[in-house]
Amino acid sequence: MMTKKSLLMASIATAGIAMASTASAQDMYKSGVGGLYAGVNYTFMNADFDGIADADVGTLSGKVGVMATEYFGVEARAGFGVDDDRVGGADVSLDNFFGGYATVNMVNESPVTPYAVLGFTRTEVEVGSLADDDSDFSYGAGVNFAFAQNLSANLEYMRYYDDSDVTLDGIGLGMQVNF
């Protein structure tokens, strides 16, 4: 089980490696290129249950989207839990989630593109024998690192769900292919 500190260290190391490998690319890649894209992410999710209990679960997700302009994109994501946690004798899992999002990209001439994400996510969480599914406004921010004209990696933070009882946050690492 990864602790939050080791997760942060792994994220920083991944970002450093990605930036080091893209630094030699000079200006050969322009971020914000339009068109269709698809990708996969592994997300380290944290489920906070009203401050009483805290669970760390892992999810695998896919996304498809289109860059409507250099600055604005629209995408759909869907995922499922691949690593559960146990809190207070009860199994905690994120069974699945899906949603629609808009992305706002900070286009520049480098292989590094920061972006913001806004949208809605439907989640299904199980704690022991109890299951709850609901949707909520989602938001986040991330960075795409272009390795080649059509291949990039990303690191992002998302708040997928937040209501009075449950908050779902995640740090995701992924790959994306542009068509």
N, C-alpha and C. Protein backbone atom coordinates (compact mmCIF):
# COMPACT_ATOMS: atom_id res chain seq x y z
N MET A 1 0.86 -1.18 0.00
CA MET A 1 0.00 0.00 0.00
C MET A 1 0.89 1.23 0.00
N MET A 2 0.68 2.12 -0.94
CA MET A 2 1.48 3.34 -1.03
C MET A 2 0.96 4.37 -0.03
N THR A 3 1.88 4.99 0.71
CA THR A 3 1.49 6.08 1.59
C THR A 3 1.40 7.35 0.76
N LYS A 4 0.81 8.38 1.35
CA LYS A 4 0.67 9.64 0.63
C LYS A 4 2.04 10.23 0.32
N LYS A 5 3.01 10.05 1.24
CA LYS A 5 4.35 10.58 1.01
C LYS A 5 5.02 9.87 -0.16
N SER A 6 4.93 8.53 -0.21
CA SER A 6 5.55 7.81 -1.32
C SER A 6 4.83 8.11 -2.63
N LEU A 7 3.52 8.33 -2.60
CA LEU A 7 2.78 8.71 -3.79
C LEU A 7 3.26 10.06 -4.31
N LEU A 8 3.44 11.01 -3.42
CA LEU A 8 3.93 12.33 -3.81
C LEU A 8 5.32 12.22 -4.41
N MET A 9 6.21 11.43 -3.77
CA MET A 9 7.57 11.27 -4.28
C MET A 9 7.56 10.63 -5.67
N ALA A 10 6.72 9.61 -5.87
CA ALA A 10 6.62 8.95 -7.18
C ALA A 10 6.11 9.93 -8.24
N SER A 11 5.14 10.76 -7.87
CA SER A 11 4.61 11.75 -8.81
C SER A 11 5.66 12.78 -9.20
N ILE A 12 6.42 13.24 -8.22
CA ILE A 12 7.47 14.23 -8.50
C ILE A 12 8.55 13.61 -9.38
N ALA A 13 8.94 12.36 -9.09
CA ALA A 13 9.96 11.68 -9.89
C ALA A 13 9.48 11.49 -11.33
N THR A 14 8.22 11.09 -11.50
CA THR A 14 7.67 10.90 -12.84
C THR A 14 7.65 12.22 -13.62
N ALA A 15 7.25 13.29 -12.95
CA ALA A 15 7.22 14.60 -13.61
C ALA A 15 8.63 15.04 -13.98
N GLY A 16 9.61 14.79 -13.11
CA GLY A 16 10.99 15.15 -13.41
C GLY A 16 11.54 14.39 -14.59
N ILE A 17 11.28 13.08 -14.65
CA ILE A 17 11.74 12.26 -15.77
C ILE A 17 11.09 12.74 -17.06
N ALA A 18 9.80 13.02 -17.01
CA ALA A 18 9.09 13.48 -18.21
C ALA A 18 9.65 14.82 -18.70
N MET A 19 9.91 15.74 -17.77
CA MET A 19 10.45 17.03 -18.18
C MET A 19 11.87 16.90 -18.72
N ALA A 20 12.68 16.02 -18.11
CA ALA A 20 14.05 15.82 -18.58
C ALA A 20 14.06 15.24 -19.99
N SER A 21 13.18 14.29 -20.26
CA SER A 21 13.17 13.69 -21.60
C SER A 21 12.59 14.63 -22.64
N THR A 22 11.74 15.56 -22.24
CA THR A 22 11.19 16.49 -23.22
C THR A 22 12.06 17.72 -23.40
N ALA A 23 12.97 17.97 -22.47
CA ALA A 23 13.81 19.16 -22.58
C ALA A 23 14.67 19.13 -23.83
N SER A 24 15.13 17.95 -24.24
CA SER A 24 15.97 17.85 -25.42
C SER A 24 15.18 18.01 -26.71
N ALA A 25 13.87 17.98 -26.64
CA ALA A 25 13.04 18.09 -27.84
C ALA A 25 13.02 19.52 -28.38
N GLN A 26 13.56 20.48 -27.61
CA GLN A 26 13.57 21.90 -27.95
C GLN A 26 12.16 22.34 -28.32
N ASP A 27 11.98 23.00 -29.44
CA ASP A 27 10.67 23.51 -29.81
C ASP A 27 10.03 22.70 -30.92
N MET A 28 10.40 21.42 -31.05
CA MET A 28 9.89 20.66 -32.19
C MET A 28 8.43 20.25 -32.02
N TYR A 29 7.88 20.32 -30.81
CA TYR A 29 6.49 19.96 -30.58
C TYR A 29 5.73 21.18 -30.10
N LYS A 30 4.61 21.43 -30.67
CA LYS A 30 3.78 22.53 -30.20
C LYS A 30 2.64 21.92 -29.42
N SER A 31 2.46 22.35 -28.17
CA SER A 31 1.36 21.82 -27.38
C SER A 31 0.05 22.44 -27.86
N GLY A 32 -1.06 21.80 -27.53
CA GLY A 32 -2.36 22.33 -27.90
C GLY A 32 -2.78 21.98 -29.31
N VAL A 33 -2.15 20.98 -29.92
CA VAL A 33 -2.50 20.59 -31.29
C VAL A 33 -3.93 20.04 -31.29
N GLY A 34 -4.76 20.46 -32.25
CA GLY A 34 -6.15 20.03 -32.31
C GLY A 34 -6.31 18.60 -32.77
N GLY A 35 -7.51 18.10 -32.69
CA GLY A 35 -7.82 16.76 -33.17
C GLY A 35 -8.33 15.84 -32.08
N LEU A 36 -8.55 14.60 -32.48
CA LEU A 36 -9.04 13.57 -31.56
C LEU A 36 -7.90 13.01 -30.73
N TYR A 37 -8.24 12.54 -29.51
CA TYR A 37 -7.25 11.89 -28.67
C TYR A 37 -7.91 10.83 -27.80
N ALA A 38 -7.09 9.90 -27.33
CA ALA A 38 -7.54 8.84 -26.42
C ALA A 38 -6.40 8.56 -25.46
N GLY A 39 -6.74 8.11 -24.26
CA GLY A 39 -5.70 7.84 -23.28
C GLY A 39 -6.16 6.93 -22.17
N VAL A 40 -5.20 6.52 -21.35
CA VAL A 40 -5.45 5.70 -20.16
C VAL A 40 -4.75 6.35 -18.98
N ASN A 41 -5.34 6.21 -17.80
CA ASN A 41 -4.76 6.74 -16.57
C ASN A 41 -4.89 5.72 -15.45
N TYR A 42 -3.88 5.70 -14.59
CA TYR A 42 -4.00 5.04 -13.29
C TYR A 42 -4.12 6.16 -12.29
N THR A 43 -5.14 6.11 -11.44
CA THR A 43 -5.37 7.18 -10.47
C THR A 43 -5.33 6.63 -9.06
N PHE A 44 -4.54 7.29 -8.22
CA PHE A 44 -4.48 6.99 -6.79
C PHE A 44 -5.57 7.83 -6.14
N MET A 45 -6.69 7.17 -5.80
CA MET A 45 -7.86 7.88 -5.26
C MET A 45 -7.84 7.83 -3.74
N ASN A 46 -8.32 8.91 -3.16
CA ASN A 46 -8.52 8.98 -1.72
C ASN A 46 -10.00 9.22 -1.47
N ALA A 47 -10.61 8.36 -0.68
CA ALA A 47 -12.02 8.51 -0.31
C ALA A 47 -12.06 8.92 1.16
N ASP A 48 -12.59 10.10 1.42
CA ASP A 48 -12.71 10.61 2.79
C ASP A 48 -14.18 10.55 3.17
N PHE A 49 -14.47 9.83 4.23
CA PHE A 49 -15.85 9.65 4.67
C PHE A 49 -16.12 10.57 5.86
N ASP A 50 -16.51 11.81 5.56
CA ASP A 50 -16.92 12.80 6.54
C ASP A 50 -15.87 13.02 7.63
N GLY A 51 -14.59 12.84 7.30
CA GLY A 51 -13.53 13.03 8.27
C GLY A 51 -13.40 11.92 9.29
N ILE A 52 -14.28 10.93 9.21
CA ILE A 52 -14.27 9.83 10.18
C ILE A 52 -13.32 8.72 9.74
N ALA A 53 -13.34 8.39 8.46
CA ALA A 53 -12.50 7.32 7.92
C ALA A 53 -11.93 7.79 6.59
N ASP A 54 -10.81 7.17 6.21
CA ASP A 54 -10.08 7.55 5.02
C ASP A 54 -9.61 6.28 4.33
N ALA A 55 -9.88 6.15 3.03
CA ALA A 55 -9.47 4.96 2.28
C ALA A 55 -8.71 5.36 1.03
N ASP A 56 -7.68 4.58 0.71
CA ASP A 56 -6.90 4.80 -0.51
C ASP A 56 -7.17 3.66 -1.47
N VAL A 57 -7.72 4.00 -2.63
CA VAL A 57 -8.05 2.99 -3.65
C VAL A 57 -7.41 3.40 -4.97
N GLY A 58 -7.23 2.44 -5.86
CA GLY A 58 -6.66 2.72 -7.16
C GLY A 58 -7.67 2.45 -8.25
N THR A 59 -7.63 3.27 -9.31
CA THR A 59 -8.55 3.09 -10.43
C THR A 59 -7.78 3.11 -11.75
N LEU A 60 -8.35 2.45 -12.72
CA LEU A 60 -7.85 2.47 -14.09
C LEU A 60 -8.96 3.08 -14.93
N SER A 61 -8.61 4.05 -15.77
CA SER A 61 -9.64 4.71 -16.57
C SER A 61 -9.15 4.97 -17.98
N GLY A 62 -10.12 5.17 -18.85
CA GLY A 62 -9.84 5.53 -20.24
C GLY A 62 -10.56 6.83 -20.55
N LYS A 63 -10.03 7.54 -21.54
CA LYS A 63 -10.68 8.78 -21.96
C LYS A 63 -10.58 8.92 -23.47
N VAL A 64 -11.58 9.58 -24.03
CA VAL A 64 -11.58 9.96 -25.44
C VAL A 64 -12.04 11.41 -25.50
N GLY A 65 -11.46 12.15 -26.42
CA GLY A 65 -11.83 13.56 -26.50
C GLY A 65 -11.46 14.17 -27.82
N VAL A 66 -11.82 15.43 -27.94
CA VAL A 66 -11.50 16.21 -29.14
C VAL A 66 -11.13 17.62 -28.68
N MET A 67 -10.09 18.15 -29.32
CA MET A 67 -9.71 19.53 -29.09
C MET A 67 -10.52 20.38 -30.07
N ALA A 68 -11.54 21.05 -29.56
CA ALA A 68 -12.40 21.88 -30.40
C ALA A 68 -11.62 23.07 -30.94
N THR A 69 -10.76 23.64 -30.13
CA THR A 69 -9.82 24.68 -30.54
C THR A 69 -8.49 24.36 -29.87
N GLU A 70 -7.50 25.19 -30.09
CA GLU A 70 -6.21 24.97 -29.41
C GLU A 70 -6.36 25.08 -27.90
N TYR A 71 -7.32 25.85 -27.45
CA TYR A 71 -7.46 26.14 -26.03
C TYR A 71 -8.55 25.35 -25.33
N PHE A 72 -9.50 24.80 -26.06
CA PHE A 72 -10.69 24.19 -25.46
C PHE A 72 -10.90 22.78 -25.99
N GLY A 73 -11.10 21.83 -25.08
CA GLY A 73 -11.37 20.45 -25.47
C GLY A 73 -12.57 19.90 -24.72
N VAL A 74 -13.14 18.83 -25.25
CA VAL A 74 -14.27 18.14 -24.63
C VAL A 74 -13.90 16.66 -24.58
N GLU A 75 -14.13 16.01 -23.43
CA GLU A 75 -13.77 14.60 -23.33
C GLU A 75 -14.73 13.83 -22.44
N ALA A 76 -14.72 12.51 -22.63
CA ALA A 76 -15.49 11.59 -21.80
C ALA A 76 -14.49 10.64 -21.15
N ARG A 77 -14.75 10.29 -19.89
CA ARG A 77 -13.89 9.37 -19.16
C ARG A 77 -14.75 8.31 -18.49
N ALA A 78 -14.19 7.11 -18.37
CA ALA A 78 -14.85 6.03 -17.64
C ALA A 78 -13.76 5.18 -17.00
N GLY A 79 -14.02 4.69 -15.81
CA GLY A 79 -13.02 3.88 -15.12
C GLY A 79 -13.64 2.96 -14.10
N PHE A 80 -12.77 2.13 -13.53
CA PHE A 80 -13.21 1.16 -12.52
C PHE A 80 -12.08 0.96 -11.51
N GLY A 81 -12.46 0.49 -10.32
CA GLY A 81 -11.50 0.25 -9.26
C GLY A 81 -10.66 -0.99 -9.52
N VAL A 82 -9.36 -0.90 -9.24
CA VAL A 82 -8.46 -2.04 -9.39
C VAL A 82 -7.71 -2.34 -8.10
N ASP A 83 -7.80 -1.47 -7.11
CA ASP A 83 -7.13 -1.68 -5.82
C ASP A 83 -8.04 -1.15 -4.72
N ASP A 84 -8.53 -2.04 -3.87
CA ASP A 84 -9.44 -1.68 -2.79
C ASP A 84 -8.66 -1.43 -1.50
N ASP A 85 -9.37 -0.95 -0.49
CA ASP A 85 -8.77 -0.71 0.82
C ASP A 85 -9.70 -1.30 1.88
N ARG A 86 -9.20 -1.45 3.07
CA ARG A 86 -9.99 -1.97 4.18
C ARG A 86 -9.90 -0.95 5.32
N VAL A 87 -11.06 -0.47 5.77
CA VAL A 87 -11.11 0.52 6.83
C VAL A 87 -12.10 0.06 7.89
N GLY A 88 -11.64 -0.04 9.12
CA GLY A 88 -12.51 -0.44 10.22
C GLY A 88 -13.20 -1.77 10.00
N GLY A 89 -12.53 -2.71 9.37
CA GLY A 89 -13.11 -4.03 9.13
C GLY A 89 -14.01 -4.12 7.91
N ALA A 90 -14.19 -3.01 7.18
CA ALA A 90 -15.04 -3.02 6.00
C ALA A 90 -14.20 -2.78 4.74
N ASP A 91 -14.51 -3.54 3.68
CA ASP A 91 -13.85 -3.33 2.40
C ASP A 91 -14.40 -2.07 1.76
N VAL A 92 -13.50 -1.23 1.23
CA VAL A 92 -13.89 0.00 0.55
C VAL A 92 -13.42 -0.12 -0.90
N SER A 93 -14.34 0.11 -1.84
CA SER A 93 -13.97 0.05 -3.25
C SER A 93 -14.73 1.11 -4.04
N LEU A 94 -14.06 1.59 -5.07
CA LEU A 94 -14.71 2.46 -6.04
C LEU A 94 -15.01 1.55 -7.22
N ASP A 95 -16.26 1.14 -7.35
CA ASP A 95 -16.63 0.17 -8.39
C ASP A 95 -16.43 0.74 -9.79
N ASN A 96 -16.97 1.93 -10.02
CA ASN A 96 -16.83 2.54 -11.35
C ASN A 96 -17.13 4.02 -11.27
N PHE A 97 -16.75 4.72 -12.33
CA PHE A 97 -17.07 6.13 -12.47
C PHE A 97 -17.04 6.48 -13.96
N PHE A 98 -17.81 7.49 -14.32
CA PHE A 98 -17.79 8.00 -15.69
C PHE A 98 -18.26 9.44 -15.68
N GLY A 99 -17.86 10.18 -16.71
CA GLY A 99 -18.28 11.57 -16.74
C GLY A 99 -17.91 12.28 -18.03
N GLY A 100 -18.38 13.52 -18.14
CA GLY A 100 -18.08 14.38 -19.26
C GLY A 100 -17.40 15.63 -18.75
N TYR A 101 -16.40 16.12 -19.51
CA TYR A 101 -15.56 17.21 -19.02
C TYR A 101 -15.18 18.16 -20.14
N ALA A 102 -14.89 19.38 -19.76
CA ALA A 102 -14.30 20.37 -20.66
C ALA A 102 -12.89 20.63 -20.16
N THR A 103 -11.96 20.81 -21.09
CA THR A 103 -10.59 21.13 -20.71
C THR A 103 -10.23 22.51 -21.28
N VAL A 104 -9.51 23.26 -20.49
CA VAL A 104 -8.99 24.55 -20.91
C VAL A 104 -7.47 24.41 -20.86
N ASN A 105 -6.83 24.57 -22.02
CA ASN A 105 -5.40 24.31 -22.17
C ASN A 105 -4.62 25.61 -22.31
N MET A 106 -3.48 25.67 -21.64
CA MET A 106 -2.59 26.84 -21.74
C MET A 106 -1.58 26.56 -22.85
N VAL A 107 -1.98 26.84 -24.08
CA VAL A 107 -1.18 26.54 -25.26
C VAL A 107 0.12 27.33 -25.24
N ASN A 108 1.20 26.67 -25.65
CA ASN A 108 2.51 27.31 -25.73
C ASN A 108 3.36 26.57 -26.75
N GLU A 109 4.57 27.01 -26.97
CA GLU A 109 5.45 26.41 -27.97
C GLU A 109 6.33 25.30 -27.41
N SER A 110 6.11 24.88 -26.18
CA SER A 110 6.93 23.84 -25.57
C SER A 110 6.18 22.50 -25.57
N PRO A 111 6.84 21.42 -25.20
CA PRO A 111 6.16 20.12 -25.11
C PRO A 111 5.34 19.96 -23.82
N VAL A 112 5.30 20.98 -22.98
CA VAL A 112 4.59 20.93 -21.69
C VAL A 112 3.36 21.82 -21.77
N THR A 113 2.17 21.22 -21.57
CA THR A 113 0.92 21.96 -21.64
C THR A 113 0.12 21.83 -20.34
N PRO A 114 0.05 22.87 -19.52
CA PRO A 114 -0.82 22.85 -18.35
C PRO A 114 -2.28 22.95 -18.79
N TYR A 115 -3.18 22.35 -18.02
CA TYR A 115 -4.60 22.40 -18.35
C TYR A 115 -5.46 22.35 -17.09
N ALA A 116 -6.70 22.80 -17.23
CA ALA A 116 -7.71 22.71 -16.18
C ALA A 116 -8.86 21.86 -16.72
N VAL A 117 -9.55 21.15 -15.83
CA VAL A 117 -10.65 20.26 -16.20
C VAL A 117 -11.88 20.63 -15.37
N LEU A 118 -13.04 20.73 -16.02
CA LEU A 118 -14.32 20.99 -15.35
C LEU A 118 -15.35 20.04 -15.93
N GLY A 119 -16.22 19.49 -15.09
CA GLY A 119 -17.25 18.60 -15.61
C GLY A 119 -18.08 17.96 -14.52
N PHE A 120 -18.71 16.84 -14.86
CA PHE A 120 -19.53 16.09 -13.92
C PHE A 120 -19.11 14.63 -13.95
N THR A 121 -19.10 14.00 -12.76
CA THR A 121 -18.72 12.60 -12.63
C THR A 121 -19.80 11.84 -11.87
N ARG A 122 -20.12 10.66 -12.37
CA ARG A 122 -21.01 9.73 -11.67
C ARG A 122 -20.13 8.65 -11.07
N THR A 123 -20.25 8.40 -9.77
CA THR A 123 -19.42 7.41 -9.09
C THR A 123 -20.28 6.36 -8.40
N GLU A 124 -19.71 5.18 -8.22
CA GLU A 124 -20.34 4.13 -7.42
C GLU A 124 -19.31 3.61 -6.43
N VAL A 125 -19.57 3.85 -5.15
CA VAL A 125 -18.66 3.47 -4.07
C VAL A 125 -19.33 2.41 -3.21
N GLU A 126 -18.55 1.40 -2.80
CA GLU A 126 -19.03 0.38 -1.87
C GLU A 126 -18.19 0.40 -0.60
N VAL A 127 -18.89 0.37 0.53
CA VAL A 127 -18.26 0.23 1.84
C VAL A 127 -18.94 -0.93 2.52
N GLY A 128 -18.21 -2.06 2.64
CA GLY A 128 -18.82 -3.27 3.17
C GLY A 128 -19.96 -3.71 2.27
N SER A 129 -21.15 -3.88 2.85
CA SER A 129 -22.31 -4.29 2.06
C SER A 129 -23.14 -3.10 1.56
N LEU A 130 -22.72 -1.89 1.89
CA LEU A 130 -23.45 -0.69 1.47
C LEU A 130 -22.87 -0.15 0.17
N ALA A 131 -23.73 0.22 -0.75
CA ALA A 131 -23.30 0.80 -2.03
C ALA A 131 -24.04 2.12 -2.23
N ASP A 132 -23.31 3.09 -2.80
CA ASP A 132 -23.92 4.38 -3.07
C ASP A 132 -23.43 4.86 -4.43
N ASP A 133 -24.36 5.33 -5.25
CA ASP A 133 -23.97 5.93 -6.52
C ASP A 133 -24.64 7.29 -6.63
N ASP A 134 -23.84 8.25 -7.10
CA ASP A 134 -24.32 9.61 -7.20
C ASP A 134 -23.41 10.37 -8.15
N SER A 135 -23.81 11.57 -8.55
CA SER A 135 -22.97 12.38 -9.43
C SER A 135 -22.75 13.74 -8.79
N ASP A 136 -21.67 14.40 -9.24
CA ASP A 136 -21.33 15.70 -8.68
C ASP A 136 -20.44 16.46 -9.66
N PHE A 137 -20.34 17.76 -9.45
CA PHE A 137 -19.44 18.62 -10.20
C PHE A 137 -18.00 18.20 -9.91
N SER A 138 -17.15 18.14 -10.93
CA SER A 138 -15.76 17.73 -10.78
C SER A 138 -14.85 18.80 -11.35
N TYR A 139 -13.65 18.89 -10.80
CA TYR A 139 -12.68 19.85 -11.31
C TYR A 139 -11.26 19.36 -11.02
N GLY A 140 -10.32 19.89 -11.76
CA GLY A 140 -8.94 19.50 -11.54
C GLY A 140 -7.99 20.29 -12.41
N ALA A 141 -6.72 19.92 -12.30
CA ALA A 141 -5.67 20.56 -13.09
C ALA A 141 -4.58 19.54 -13.36
N GLY A 142 -3.90 19.70 -14.47
CA GLY A 142 -2.84 18.77 -14.81
C GLY A 142 -1.87 19.35 -15.80
N VAL A 143 -0.93 18.49 -16.20
CA VAL A 143 0.09 18.86 -17.17
C VAL A 143 0.29 17.70 -18.13
N ASN A 144 0.26 18.00 -19.43
CA ASN A 144 0.62 17.02 -20.47
C ASN A 144 2.07 17.26 -20.86
N PHE A 145 2.83 16.15 -21.00
CA PHE A 145 4.23 16.20 -21.43
C PHE A 145 4.33 15.46 -22.77
N ALA A 146 4.57 16.16 -23.86
CA ALA A 146 4.66 15.54 -25.19
C ALA A 146 6.01 14.88 -25.37
N PHE A 147 6.00 13.58 -25.73
CA PHE A 147 7.23 12.84 -26.01
C PHE A 147 7.49 12.77 -27.51
N ALA A 148 6.44 12.78 -28.27
CA ALA A 148 6.50 12.73 -29.73
C ALA A 148 5.30 13.51 -30.23
N GLN A 149 5.21 13.69 -31.53
CA GLN A 149 4.12 14.49 -32.09
C GLN A 149 2.74 13.98 -31.65
N ASN A 150 2.57 12.67 -31.52
CA ASN A 150 1.25 12.11 -31.21
C ASN A 150 1.19 11.36 -29.88
N LEU A 151 2.21 11.46 -29.04
CA LEU A 151 2.24 10.71 -27.78
C LEU A 151 2.64 11.63 -26.64
N SER A 152 1.85 11.59 -25.56
CA SER A 152 2.16 12.40 -24.39
C SER A 152 1.81 11.65 -23.12
N ALA A 153 2.41 12.08 -22.03
CA ALA A 153 2.10 11.57 -20.69
C ALA A 153 1.42 12.70 -19.93
N ASN A 154 0.68 12.35 -18.89
CA ASN A 154 0.05 13.40 -18.10
C ASN A 154 0.10 13.08 -16.62
N LEU A 155 0.09 14.14 -15.84
CA LEU A 155 0.02 14.09 -14.39
C LEU A 155 -1.08 15.06 -14.01
N GLU A 156 -2.07 14.60 -13.23
CA GLU A 156 -3.17 15.50 -12.90
C GLU A 156 -3.76 15.21 -11.52
N TYR A 157 -4.36 16.26 -10.97
CA TYR A 157 -5.14 16.15 -9.74
C TYR A 157 -6.59 16.40 -10.11
N MET A 158 -7.50 15.58 -9.56
CA MET A 158 -8.94 15.79 -9.79
C MET A 158 -9.69 15.64 -8.48
N ARG A 159 -10.68 16.50 -8.29
CA ARG A 159 -11.69 16.29 -7.25
C ARG A 159 -12.90 15.76 -8.01
N TYR A 160 -13.14 14.45 -7.89
CA TYR A 160 -14.19 13.80 -8.64
C TYR A 160 -15.57 13.97 -8.00
N TYR A 161 -15.60 13.99 -6.67
CA TYR A 161 -16.90 13.98 -5.99
C TYR A 161 -16.74 14.62 -4.62
N ASP A 162 -17.74 15.41 -4.20
CA ASP A 162 -17.70 16.03 -2.89
C ASP A 162 -19.13 16.32 -2.45
N ASP A 163 -19.57 15.63 -1.42
CA ASP A 163 -20.85 15.98 -0.80
C ASP A 163 -20.65 15.98 0.70
N SER A 164 -21.71 16.03 1.46
CA SER A 164 -21.58 16.16 2.91
C SER A 164 -20.97 14.93 3.57
N ASP A 165 -21.02 13.76 2.92
CA ASP A 165 -20.52 12.53 3.54
C ASP A 165 -19.24 11.97 2.92
N VAL A 166 -19.05 12.15 1.62
CA VAL A 166 -17.94 11.51 0.92
C VAL A 166 -17.24 12.51 0.00
N THR A 167 -15.90 12.48 0.02
CA THR A 167 -15.09 13.26 -0.91
C THR A 167 -14.14 12.30 -1.62
N LEU A 168 -14.08 12.38 -2.95
CA LEU A 168 -13.17 11.56 -3.75
C LEU A 168 -12.20 12.46 -4.49
N ASP A 169 -10.91 12.33 -4.16
CA ASP A 169 -9.84 13.06 -4.82
C ASP A 169 -8.89 12.06 -5.45
N GLY A 170 -8.19 12.47 -6.49
CA GLY A 170 -7.24 11.56 -7.10
C GLY A 170 -6.07 12.25 -7.76
N ILE A 171 -4.92 11.56 -7.74
CA ILE A 171 -3.74 11.97 -8.50
C ILE A 171 -3.52 10.90 -9.54
N GLY A 172 -3.59 11.31 -10.81
CA GLY A 172 -3.51 10.35 -11.91
C GLY A 172 -2.25 10.50 -12.74
N LEU A 173 -1.76 9.36 -13.22
CA LEU A 173 -0.64 9.29 -14.15
C LEU A 173 -1.13 8.57 -15.38
N GLY A 174 -0.84 9.10 -16.57
CA GLY A 174 -1.38 8.44 -17.75
C GLY A 174 -0.62 8.73 -19.03
N MET A 175 -1.09 8.09 -20.10
CA MET A 175 -0.55 8.26 -21.45
C MET A 175 -1.70 8.65 -22.36
N GLN A 176 -1.38 9.43 -23.40
CA GLN A 176 -2.40 9.89 -24.34
C GLN A 176 -1.84 9.83 -25.76
N VAL A 177 -2.69 9.37 -26.70
CA VAL A 177 -2.35 9.32 -28.10
C VAL A 177 -3.23 10.32 -28.83
N ASN A 178 -2.63 11.17 -29.66
CA ASN A 178 -3.38 12.13 -30.47
C ASN A 178 -3.48 11.61 -31.89
N PHE A 179 -4.67 11.69 -32.47
CA PHE A 179 -4.89 11.17 -33.83
C PHE A 179 -4.92 12.29 -34.84
